């Protein structure tokens, strides 16, 4: 793995975009994402195998229990290997990206270079942290939708409709998030210069402008997530009402429906968070390539 730390800088003569990073480092990123999918698949098997193990142990049969132990052992191994590999792979990409940004901003003020290095690293953090979370959420969403469909198609339809409306709600605010992040990033590019002035009025003015930019983003987030939460909790309420009034089920089945509905809601929440990160990254990509 250590060879990753001494590889040639593949970003020196290309645009600094997510597609460029993926095309130049597809092997490293592909391995991390493959390990993430394996880890997610193993995790998804745990509840099912646990149920089989309980039934088997009650019948004095240890086969399912041993299978559960093997899967949990594999889950631990894959999780450890993925985290060890991730740190080295993405760390090497961050070095190349930072070096490229330094070379391209050599004639700019140090404040701009410093800010853009931090912004550039956010692109790698997105690939390392949020894309795997998104992949995991998609797996959980698909599983939840399929299981809800087995219980009743209307439950599955309600889930899919909720997901679509959640994405649409965020999409309506994409441009606003883009503009607000542009203002925030512009202020961050002035940070070192403001501190180097050693003048309290300049520093105080800068901090207040930074605060105002952050407050506007936070307020917009609150409105968007508040609206999405109303939609998601309405879905939970519908699932509970529908399963108790329109389906002939047992208490255990109703509990399963509500549990999978809640798992669906938790996974859906990752979508607007990822989309918000994408809005910010879109502005960063334009800024660091100017």
C-alpha atoms as a PDB file:
ATOM      1  CA  UNK A   1       0.000   0.000   0.000  1.00  0.00           C
ATOM      2  CA  UNK A   2       2.855   2.377   0.667  1.00  0.00           C
ATOM      3  CA  UNK A   3       3.529   2.722  -3.065  1.00  0.00           C
ATOM      4  CA  UNK A   4       0.541   5.057  -3.151  1.00  0.00           C
ATOM      5  CA  UNK A   5       2.591   7.675  -1.294  1.00  0.00           C
ATOM      6  CA  UNK A   6       5.289   7.970  -3.952  1.00  0.00           C
ATOM      7  CA  UNK A   7       3.240   7.807  -7.142  1.00  0.00           C
ATOM      8  CA  UNK A   8       3.430  10.381  -9.914  1.00  0.00           C
ATOM      9  CA  UNK A   9       1.174  13.429  -9.575  1.00  0.00           C
ATOM     10  CA  UNK A  10      -1.601  12.586 -12.043  1.00  0.00           C
ATOM     11  CA  UNK A  11      -3.479  15.867 -11.464  1.00  0.00           C
ATOM     12  CA  UNK A  12      -0.707  18.203 -12.583  1.00  0.00           C
ATOM     13  CA  UNK A  13      -2.071  18.794 -16.083  1.00  0.00           C
ATOM     14  CA  UNK A  14      -5.810  18.304 -15.702  1.00  0.00           C
ATOM     15  CA  UNK A  15      -8.882  20.100 -14.398  1.00  0.00           C
ATOM     16  CA  UNK A  16      -9.444  19.556 -10.705  1.00  0.00           C
ATOM     17  CA  UNK A  17     -12.864  17.928 -10.791  1.00  0.00           C
ATOM     18  CA  UNK A  18     -14.378  14.808  -9.251  1.00  0.00           C
ATOM     19  CA  UNK A  19     -14.470  13.115 -12.661  1.00  0.00           C
ATOM     20  CA  UNK A  20     -10.770  13.872 -13.196  1.00  0.00           C
ATOM     21  CA  UNK A  21      -9.897  12.477  -9.776  1.00  0.00           C
ATOM     22  CA  UNK A  22     -11.928   9.334 -10.419  1.00  0.00           C
ATOM     23  CA  UNK A  23     -10.472   8.775 -13.884  1.00  0.00           C
ATOM     24  CA  UNK A  24      -6.879   9.155 -12.646  1.00  0.00           C
ATOM     25  CA  UNK A  25      -7.251   7.212  -9.412  1.00  0.00           C
ATOM     26  CA  UNK A  26     -10.024   4.788 -10.326  1.00  0.00           C
ATOM     27  CA  UNK A  27      -8.135   1.772  -9.056  1.00  0.00           C
ATOM     28  CA  UNK A  28      -7.594   3.181  -5.566  1.00  0.00           C
ATOM     29  CA  UNK A  29     -11.088   4.637  -5.273  1.00  0.00           C
ATOM     30  CA  UNK A  30     -12.639   1.519  -6.811  1.00  0.00           C
ATOM     31  CA  UNK A  31     -11.041  -0.722  -4.179  1.00  0.00           C
ATOM     32  CA  UNK A  32     -12.353   1.449  -1.335  1.00  0.00           C
ATOM     33  CA  UNK A  33     -15.864   1.495  -2.786  1.00  0.00           C
ATOM     34  CA  UNK A  34     -15.827  -2.263  -3.428  1.00  0.00           C
ATOM     35  CA  UNK A  35     -14.816  -2.884   0.193  1.00  0.00           C
ATOM     36  CA  UNK A  36     -17.609  -0.541   1.291  1.00  0.00           C
ATOM     37  CA  UNK A  37     -20.196  -2.527  -0.689  1.00  0.00           C
ATOM     38  CA  UNK A  38     -18.910  -5.814   0.739  1.00  0.00           C
ATOM     39  CA  UNK A  39     -19.038  -4.390   4.260  1.00  0.00           C
ATOM     40  CA  UNK A  40     -22.587  -3.123   3.676  1.00  0.00           C
ATOM     41  CA  UNK A  41     -23.741  -6.464   2.272  1.00  0.00           C
ATOM     42  CA  UNK A  42     -22.293  -8.347   5.249  1.00  0.00           C
ATOM     43  CA  UNK A  43     -23.943  -5.899   7.636  1.00  0.00           C
ATOM     44  CA  UNK A  44     -27.296  -6.380   5.904  1.00  0.00           C
ATOM     45  CA  UNK A  45     -27.034 -10.153   6.471  1.00  0.00           C
ATOM     46  CA  UNK A  46     -26.628  -9.848  10.250  1.00  0.00           C
ATOM     47  CA  UNK A  47     -30.344  -9.416  11.195  1.00  0.00           C
ATOM     48  CA  UNK A  48     -31.413 -12.254   8.902  1.00  0.00           C
ATOM     49  CA  UNK A  49     -28.704 -14.634  10.148  1.00  0.00           C
ATOM     50  CA  UNK A  50     -29.438 -13.651  13.748  1.00  0.00           C
ATOM     51  CA  UNK A  51     -33.030 -14.806  13.319  1.00  0.00           C
ATOM     52  CA  UNK A  52     -31.873 -18.090  11.785  1.00  0.00           C
ATOM     53  CA  UNK A  53     -29.348 -18.545  14.609  1.00  0.00           C
ATOM     54  CA  UNK A  54     -32.011 -18.040  17.276  1.00  0.00           C
ATOM     55  CA  UNK A  55     -34.304 -20.592  15.649  1.00  0.00           C
ATOM     56  CA  UNK A  56     -31.411 -23.028  15.233  1.00  0.00           C
ATOM     57  CA  UNK A  57     -30.167 -22.724  18.804  1.00  0.00           C
ATOM     58  CA  UNK A  58     -33.678 -23.301  20.136  1.00  0.00           C
ATOM     59  CA  UNK A  59     -33.655 -26.563  18.178  1.00  0.00           C
ATOM     60  CA  UNK A  60     -30.114 -27.443  19.382  1.00  0.00           C
ATOM     61  CA  UNK A  61     -28.735 -26.812  15.868  1.00  0.00           C
ATOM     62  CA  UNK A  62     -25.561 -24.696  15.812  1.00  0.00           C
ATOM     63  CA  UNK A  63     -25.040 -24.403  12.039  1.00  0.00           C
ATOM     64  CA  UNK A  64     -26.811 -21.054  11.629  1.00  0.00           C
ATOM     65  CA  UNK A  65     -25.035 -19.713  14.709  1.00  0.00           C
ATOM     66  CA  UNK A  66     -21.655 -20.661  13.233  1.00  0.00           C
ATOM     67  CA  UNK A  67     -22.619 -18.977   9.962  1.00  0.00           C
ATOM     68  CA  UNK A  68     -23.492 -15.837  11.894  1.00  0.00           C
ATOM     69  CA  UNK A  69     -20.115 -15.894  13.644  1.00  0.00           C
ATOM     70  CA  UNK A  70     -18.286 -16.331  10.330  1.00  0.00           C
ATOM     71  CA  UNK A  71     -20.130 -13.394   8.762  1.00  0.00           C
ATOM     72  CA  UNK A  72     -19.408 -11.184  11.786  1.00  0.00           C
ATOM     73  CA  UNK A  73     -15.742 -12.176  11.632  1.00  0.00           C
ATOM     74  CA  UNK A  74     -15.617 -11.347   7.931  1.00  0.00           C
ATOM     75  CA  UNK A  75     -17.353  -8.045   8.634  1.00  0.00           C
ATOM     76  CA  UNK A  76     -14.676  -7.096  11.167  1.00  0.00           C
ATOM     77  CA  UNK A  77     -11.847  -8.044   8.798  1.00  0.00           C
ATOM     78  CA  UNK A  78     -13.288  -6.157   5.833  1.00  0.00           C
ATOM     79  CA  UNK A  79     -14.015  -3.096   7.996  1.00  0.00           C
ATOM     80  CA  UNK A  80     -10.458  -2.964   9.356  1.00  0.00           C
ATOM     81  CA  UNK A  81      -8.833  -3.494   5.945  1.00  0.00           C
ATOM     82  CA  UNK A  82     -11.049  -0.840   4.339  1.00  0.00           C
ATOM     83  CA  UNK A  83     -10.160   1.793   6.920  1.00  0.00           C
ATOM     84  CA  UNK A  84      -6.428   1.046   6.696  1.00  0.00           C
ATOM     85  CA  UNK A  85      -6.510   1.212   2.900  1.00  0.00           C
ATOM     86  CA  UNK A  86      -8.751   4.318   2.791  1.00  0.00           C
ATOM     87  CA  UNK A  87      -6.327   6.402   4.836  1.00  0.00           C
ATOM     88  CA  UNK A  88      -3.399   5.628   2.533  1.00  0.00           C
ATOM     89  CA  UNK A  89      -5.263   5.827  -0.774  1.00  0.00           C
ATOM     90  CA  UNK A  90      -7.113   9.083  -0.156  1.00  0.00           C
ATOM     91  CA  UNK A  91      -4.152  10.577   1.697  1.00  0.00           C
ATOM     92  CA  UNK A  92      -1.993  10.139  -1.420  1.00  0.00           C
ATOM     93  CA  UNK A  93      -4.651  11.813  -3.580  1.00  0.00           C
ATOM     94  CA  UNK A  94      -4.843  14.743  -1.149  1.00  0.00           C
ATOM     95  CA  UNK A  95      -1.081  15.234  -1.433  1.00  0.00           C
ATOM     96  CA  UNK A  96      -1.261  15.382  -5.240  1.00  0.00           C
ATOM     97  CA  UNK A  97      -4.262  17.713  -5.203  1.00  0.00           C
ATOM     98  CA  UNK A  98      -2.667  20.067  -2.660  1.00  0.00           C
ATOM     99  CA  UNK A  99       0.603  20.187  -4.593  1.00  0.00           C
ATOM    100  CA  UNK A 100      -1.268  20.983  -7.814  1.00  0.00           C
ATOM    101  CA  UNK A 101      -3.209  23.789  -6.132  1.00  0.00           C
ATOM    102  CA  UNK A 102       0.006  25.257  -4.711  1.00  0.00           C
ATOM    103  CA  UNK A 103       1.618  25.227  -8.163  1.00  0.00           C
ATOM    104  CA  UNK A 104      -1.408  26.861  -9.787  1.00  0.00           C
ATOM    105  CA  UNK A 105      -1.836  29.595  -7.175  1.00  0.00           C
ATOM    106  CA  UNK A 106       1.850  30.494  -6.866  1.00  0.00           C
ATOM    107  CA  UNK A 107       1.142  34.072  -7.995  1.00  0.00           C
ATOM    108  CA  UNK A 108      -1.895  34.519  -5.741  1.00  0.00           C
ATOM    109  CA  UNK A 109      -1.894  35.811  -2.153  1.00  0.00           C
ATOM    110  CA  UNK A 110      -1.094  33.206   0.494  1.00  0.00           C
ATOM    111  CA  UNK A 111      -4.603  33.642   1.928  1.00  0.00           C
ATOM    112  CA  UNK A 112      -6.181  32.431  -1.319  1.00  0.00           C
ATOM    113  CA  UNK A 113      -3.779  29.499  -1.643  1.00  0.00           C
ATOM    114  CA  UNK A 114      -4.400  28.393   1.937  1.00  0.00           C
ATOM    115  CA  UNK A 115      -8.186  28.537   1.544  1.00  0.00           C
ATOM    116  CA  UNK A 116      -8.171  26.714  -1.787  1.00  0.00           C
ATOM    117  CA  UNK A 117      -6.019  23.911  -0.391  1.00  0.00           C
ATOM    118  CA  UNK A 118      -8.641  23.340   2.310  1.00  0.00           C
ATOM    119  CA  UNK A 119     -11.434  23.514  -0.269  1.00  0.00           C
ATOM    120  CA  UNK A 120      -9.660  21.077  -2.572  1.00  0.00           C
ATOM    121  CA  UNK A 121      -9.316  18.538   0.209  1.00  0.00           C
ATOM    122  CA  UNK A 122     -13.102  18.656   0.609  1.00  0.00           C
ATOM    123  CA  UNK A 123     -13.380  16.978  -2.793  1.00  0.00           C
ATOM    124  CA  UNK A 124     -11.393  13.997  -1.510  1.00  0.00           C
ATOM    125  CA  UNK A 125     -13.326  13.960   1.780  1.00  0.00           C
ATOM    126  CA  UNK A 126     -16.519  13.726  -0.290  1.00  0.00           C
ATOM    127  CA  UNK A 127     -15.225  10.642  -2.124  1.00  0.00           C
ATOM    128  CA  UNK A 128     -13.858   9.087   1.062  1.00  0.00           C
ATOM    129  CA  UNK A 129     -16.714   9.728   3.467  1.00  0.00           C
ATOM    130  CA  UNK A 130     -19.966  10.810   1.858  1.00  0.00           C
ATOM    131  CA  UNK A 131     -20.018   8.675  -1.279  1.00  0.00           C
ATOM    132  CA  UNK A 132     -19.635   5.439   0.777  1.00  0.00           C
ATOM    133  CA  UNK A 133     -22.394   6.691   3.099  1.00  0.00           C
ATOM    134  CA  UNK A 134     -24.559   7.329   0.050  1.00  0.00           C
ATOM    135  CA  UNK A 135     -23.834   3.856  -1.311  1.00  0.00           C
ATOM    136  CA  UNK A 136     -24.769   2.309   2.036  1.00  0.00           C
ATOM    137  CA  UNK A 137     -27.971   4.338   2.163  1.00  0.00           C
ATOM    138  CA  UNK A 138     -28.974   3.247  -1.344  1.00  0.00           C
ATOM    139  CA  UNK A 139     -28.564  -0.404  -0.338  1.00  0.00           C
ATOM    140  CA  UNK A 140     -30.718   0.124   2.772  1.00  0.00           C
ATOM    141  CA  UNK A 141     -33.325   2.075   0.778  1.00  0.00           C
ATOM    142  CA  UNK A 142     -33.629  -0.694  -1.820  1.00  0.00           C
ATOM    143  CA  UNK A 143     -33.928  -3.362   0.881  1.00  0.00           C
ATOM    144  CA  UNK A 144     -36.569  -1.337   2.757  1.00  0.00           C
ATOM    145  CA  UNK A 145     -38.609  -0.636  -0.398  1.00  0.00           C
ATOM    146  CA  UNK A 146     -38.555  -4.316  -1.436  1.00  0.00           C
ATOM    147  CA  UNK A 147     -39.596  -5.543   2.019  1.00  0.00           C
ATOM    148  CA  UNK A 148     -42.352  -2.918   2.280  1.00  0.00           C
ATOM    149  CA  UNK A 149     -43.567  -4.027  -1.160  1.00  0.00           C
ATOM    150  CA  UNK A 150     -43.806  -7.585   0.147  1.00  0.00           C
ATOM    151  CA  UNK A 151     -46.010  -6.351   2.991  1.00  0.00           C
ATOM    152  CA  UNK A 152     -48.130  -4.215   0.642  1.00  0.00           C
ATOM    153  CA  UNK A 153     -47.415  -2.368  -2.655  1.00  0.00           C
ATOM    154  CA  UNK A 154     -48.959   0.856  -1.333  1.00  0.00           C
ATOM    155  CA  UNK A 155     -46.325   1.030   1.409  1.00  0.00           C
ATOM    156  CA  UNK A 156     -43.568   0.703  -1.182  1.00  0.00           C
ATOM    157  CA  UNK A 157     -45.215   3.311  -3.428  1.00  0.00           C
ATOM    158  CA  UNK A 158     -45.473   5.732  -0.509  1.00  0.00           C
ATOM    159  CA  UNK A 159     -41.773   5.236   0.249  1.00  0.00           C
ATOM    160  CA  UNK A 160     -40.683   5.875  -3.352  1.00  0.00           C
ATOM    161  CA  UNK A 161     -42.923   8.948  -3.581  1.00  0.00           C
ATOM    162  CA  UNK A 162     -41.454  10.299  -0.354  1.00  0.00           C
ATOM    163  CA  UNK A 163     -37.925   9.842  -1.698  1.00  0.00           C
ATOM    164  CA  UNK A 164     -38.752  11.647  -4.956  1.00  0.00           C
ATOM    165  CA  UNK A 165     -40.354  14.617  -3.202  1.00  0.00           C
ATOM    166  CA  UNK A 166     -37.404  14.868  -0.775  1.00  0.00           C
ATOM    167  CA  UNK A 167     -34.981  15.182  -3.693  1.00  0.00           C
ATOM    168  CA  UNK A 168     -37.245  17.685  -5.486  1.00  0.00           C
ATOM    169  CA  UNK A 169     -37.481  19.872  -2.373  1.00  0.00           C
ATOM    170  CA  UNK A 170     -33.713  20.048  -2.112  1.00  0.00           C
ATOM    171  CA  UNK A 171     -33.316  20.632  -5.864  1.00  0.00           C
ATOM    172  CA  UNK A 172     -35.413  23.794  -5.543  1.00  0.00           C
ATOM    173  CA  UNK A 173     -32.775  25.210  -3.164  1.00  0.00           C
ATOM    174  CA  UNK A 174     -29.669  24.044  -5.033  1.00  0.00           C
ATOM    175  CA  UNK A 175     -28.891  27.413  -6.622  1.00  0.00           C
ATOM    176  CA  UNK A 176     -29.370  29.237  -3.328  1.00  0.00           C
ATOM    177  CA  UNK A 177     -26.952  26.878  -1.569  1.00  0.00           C
ATOM    178  CA  UNK A 178     -24.490  27.385  -4.436  1.00  0.00           C
ATOM    179  CA  UNK A 179     -24.585  31.180  -4.075  1.00  0.00           C
ATOM    180  CA  UNK A 180     -24.379  31.093  -0.287  1.00  0.00           C
ATOM    181  CA  UNK A 181     -21.377  28.765  -0.396  1.00  0.00           C
ATOM    182  CA  UNK A 182     -19.736  31.086  -2.933  1.00  0.00           C
ATOM    183  CA  UNK A 183     -20.015  33.926  -0.403  1.00  0.00           C
ATOM    184  CA  UNK A 184     -18.672  31.733   2.392  1.00  0.00           C
ATOM    185  CA  UNK A 185     -15.718  30.522   0.329  1.00  0.00           C
ATOM    186  CA  UNK A 186     -14.914  34.091  -0.719  1.00  0.00           C
ATOM    187  CA  UNK A 187     -14.703  35.068   2.939  1.00  0.00           C
ATOM    188  CA  UNK A 188     -12.484  32.086   3.757  1.00  0.00           C
ATOM    189  CA  UNK A 189     -10.042  33.205   1.074  1.00  0.00           C
ATOM    190  CA  UNK A 190      -9.601  36.460   3.020  1.00  0.00           C
ATOM    191  CA  UNK A 191      -8.846  34.804   6.364  1.00  0.00           C
ATOM    192  CA  UNK A 192      -5.046  34.715   6.318  1.00  0.00           C
ATOM    193  CA  UNK A 193      -4.829  38.221   4.896  1.00  0.00           C
ATOM    194  CA  UNK A 194      -7.135  39.525   7.633  1.00  0.00           C
ATOM    195  CA  UNK A 195      -5.089  37.851  10.368  1.00  0.00           C
ATOM    196  CA  UNK A 196      -1.809  39.101   8.899  1.00  0.00           C
ATOM    197  CA  UNK A 197      -3.069  42.689   9.105  1.00  0.00           C
ATOM    198  CA  UNK A 198      -2.871  42.479  12.916  1.00  0.00           C
ATOM    199  CA  UNK A 199      -5.603  45.137  13.060  1.00  0.00           C
ATOM    200  CA  UNK A 200      -8.512  44.334  15.358  1.00  0.00           C
ATOM    201  CA  UNK A 201     -11.086  46.230  13.285  1.00  0.00           C
ATOM    202  CA  UNK A 202     -10.185  44.366  10.102  1.00  0.00           C
ATOM    203  CA  UNK A 203     -10.182  40.998  11.883  1.00  0.00           C
ATOM    204  CA  UNK A 204     -13.456  41.761  13.670  1.00  0.00           C
ATOM    205  CA  UNK A 205     -15.102  42.845  10.409  1.00  0.00           C
ATOM    206  CA  UNK A 206     -13.899  39.682   8.697  1.00  0.00           C
ATOM    207  CA  UNK A 207     -15.245  37.443  11.509  1.00  0.00           C
ATOM    208  CA  UNK A 208     -18.650  39.118  11.332  1.00  0.00           C
ATOM    209  CA  UNK A 209     -18.838  38.684   7.547  1.00  0.00           C
ATOM    210  CA  UNK A 210     -17.873  35.032   7.996  1.00  0.00           C
ATOM    211  CA  UNK A 211     -20.580  34.654  10.647  1.00  0.00           C
ATOM    212  CA  UNK A 212     -23.222  36.209   8.422  1.00  0.00           C
ATOM    213  CA  UNK A 213     -22.367  33.840   5.568  1.00  0.00           C
ATOM    214  CA  UNK A 214     -22.553  30.820   7.894  1.00  0.00           C
ATOM    215  CA  UNK A 215     -25.848  31.978   9.429  1.00  0.00           C
ATOM    216  CA  UNK A 216     -27.504  32.323   6.019  1.00  0.00           C
ATOM    217  CA  UNK A 217     -26.453  28.790   5.077  1.00  0.00           C
ATOM    218  CA  UNK A 218     -27.668  27.459   8.424  1.00  0.00           C
ATOM    219  CA  UNK A 219     -31.044  29.208   8.090  1.00  0.00           C
ATOM    220  CA  UNK A 220     -31.560  27.779   4.604  1.00  0.00           C
ATOM    221  CA  UNK A 221     -30.604  24.308   5.867  1.00  0.00           C
ATOM    222  CA  UNK A 222     -33.172  24.640   8.655  1.00  0.00           C
ATOM    223  CA  UNK A 223     -35.986  25.496   6.242  1.00  0.00           C
ATOM    224  CA  UNK A 224     -35.072  22.716   3.818  1.00  0.00           C
ATOM    225  CA  UNK A 225     -34.581  19.998   6.416  1.00  0.00           C
ATOM    226  CA  UNK A 226     -37.679  21.103   8.330  1.00  0.00           C
ATOM    227  CA  UNK A 227     -39.764  20.652   5.189  1.00  0.00           C
ATOM    228  CA  UNK A 228     -38.175  17.281   4.406  1.00  0.00           C
ATOM    229  CA  UNK A 229     -38.668  16.102   8.002  1.00  0.00           C
ATOM    230  CA  UNK A 230     -42.382  16.916   7.767  1.00  0.00           C
ATOM    231  CA  UNK A 231     -42.558  14.777   4.634  1.00  0.00           C
ATOM    232  CA  UNK A 232     -40.631  11.871   6.171  1.00  0.00           C
ATOM    233  CA  UNK A 233     -42.573  11.843   9.437  1.00  0.00           C
ATOM    234  CA  UNK A 234     -45.809  11.949   7.424  1.00  0.00           C
ATOM    235  CA  UNK A 235     -44.616   8.788   5.691  1.00  0.00           C
ATOM    236  CA  UNK A 236     -44.008   7.117   9.071  1.00  0.00           C
ATOM    237  CA  UNK A 237     -47.498   8.124  10.225  1.00  0.00           C
ATOM    238  CA  UNK A 238     -49.024   6.814   6.987  1.00  0.00           C
ATOM    239  CA  UNK A 239     -47.179   3.480   7.341  1.00  0.00           C
ATOM    240  CA  UNK A 240     -48.445   3.038  10.896  1.00  0.00           C
ATOM    241  CA  UNK A 241     -52.021   4.025   9.982  1.00  0.00           C
ATOM    242  CA  UNK A 242     -52.154   1.929   6.802  1.00  0.00           C
ATOM    243  CA  UNK A 243     -50.656  -1.190   8.387  1.00  0.00           C
ATOM    244  CA  UNK A 244     -53.141  -1.101  11.279  1.00  0.00           C
ATOM    245  CA  UNK A 245     -56.280  -0.239   9.332  1.00  0.00           C
ATOM    246  CA  UNK A 246     -55.901  -1.671   5.828  1.00  0.00           C
ATOM    247  CA  UNK A 247     -53.874  -4.867   6.220  1.00  0.00           C
ATOM    248  CA  UNK A 248     -54.705  -7.987   8.189  1.00  0.00           C
ATOM    249  CA  UNK A 249     -51.455  -8.397  10.099  1.00  0.00           C
ATOM    250  CA  UNK A 250     -50.067  -9.400  13.465  1.00  0.00           C
ATOM    251  CA  UNK A 251     -48.485  -7.065  15.971  1.00  0.00           C
ATOM    252  CA  UNK A 252     -45.064  -8.381  14.958  1.00  0.00           C
ATOM    253  CA  UNK A 253     -45.720  -7.575  11.305  1.00  0.00           C
ATOM    254  CA  UNK A 254     -46.816  -4.040  12.174  1.00  0.00           C
ATOM    255  CA  UNK A 255     -43.617  -3.632  14.187  1.00  0.00           C
ATOM    256  CA  UNK A 256     -41.570  -4.837  11.195  1.00  0.00           C
ATOM    257  CA  UNK A 257     -43.354  -2.414   8.849  1.00  0.00           C
ATOM    258  CA  UNK A 258     -42.706   0.539  11.139  1.00  0.00           C
ATOM    259  CA  UNK A 259     -39.088  -0.574  11.709  1.00  0.00           C
ATOM    260  CA  UNK A 260     -38.331  -0.791   7.992  1.00  0.00           C
ATOM    261  CA  UNK A 261     -40.179   2.476   7.383  1.00  0.00           C
ATOM    262  CA  UNK A 262     -37.942   4.154   9.951  1.00  0.00           C
ATOM    263  CA  UNK A 263     -34.837   2.569   8.421  1.00  0.00           C
ATOM    264  CA  UNK A 264     -35.977   3.969   5.073  1.00  0.00           C
ATOM    265  CA  UNK A 265     -36.371   7.443   6.597  1.00  0.00           C
ATOM    266  CA  UNK A 266     -32.909   7.330   8.183  1.00  0.00           C
ATOM    267  CA  UNK A 267     -31.375   6.325   4.844  1.00  0.00           C
ATOM    268  CA  UNK A 268     -33.296   8.968   2.892  1.00  0.00           C
ATOM    269  CA  UNK A 269     -31.888  11.690   5.152  1.00  0.00           C
ATOM    270  CA  UNK A 270     -28.452  10.998   3.666  1.00  0.00           C
ATOM    271  CA  UNK A 271     -29.681  12.182   0.233  1.00  0.00           C
ATOM    272  CA  UNK A 272     -30.216  15.893   1.041  1.00  0.00           C
ATOM    273  CA  UNK A 273     -26.992  15.947   3.073  1.00  0.00           C
ATOM    274  CA  UNK A 274     -25.095  14.559   0.080  1.00  0.00           C
ATOM    275  CA  UNK A 275     -26.834  16.932  -2.314  1.00  0.00           C
ATOM    276  CA  UNK A 276     -25.932  19.882  -0.105  1.00  0.00           C
ATOM    277  CA  UNK A 277     -22.311  18.763  -0.138  1.00  0.00           C
ATOM    278  CA  UNK A 278     -22.531  18.540  -3.923  1.00  0.00           C
ATOM    279  CA  UNK A 279     -23.831  22.131  -4.100  1.00  0.00           C
ATOM    280  CA  UNK A 280     -20.815  23.264  -2.100  1.00  0.00           C
ATOM    281  CA  UNK A 281     -18.406  21.150  -4.137  1.00  0.00           C
ATOM    282  CA  UNK A 282     -19.806  22.530  -7.395  1.00  0.00           C
ATOM    283  CA  UNK A 283     -18.838  26.025  -6.298  1.00  0.00           C
ATOM    284  CA  UNK A 284     -15.440  24.859  -5.029  1.00  0.00           C
ATOM    285  CA  UNK A 285     -14.674  23.100  -8.336  1.00  0.00           C
ATOM    286  CA  UNK A 286     -15.413  26.299 -10.262  1.00  0.00           C
ATOM    287  CA  UNK A 287     -13.332  28.373  -7.834  1.00  0.00           C
ATOM    288  CA  UNK A 288     -10.179  26.228  -7.759  1.00  0.00           C
ATOM    289  CA  UNK A 289     -10.175  25.842 -11.546  1.00  0.00           C
ATOM    290  CA  UNK A 290     -10.382  29.558 -12.234  1.00  0.00           C
END
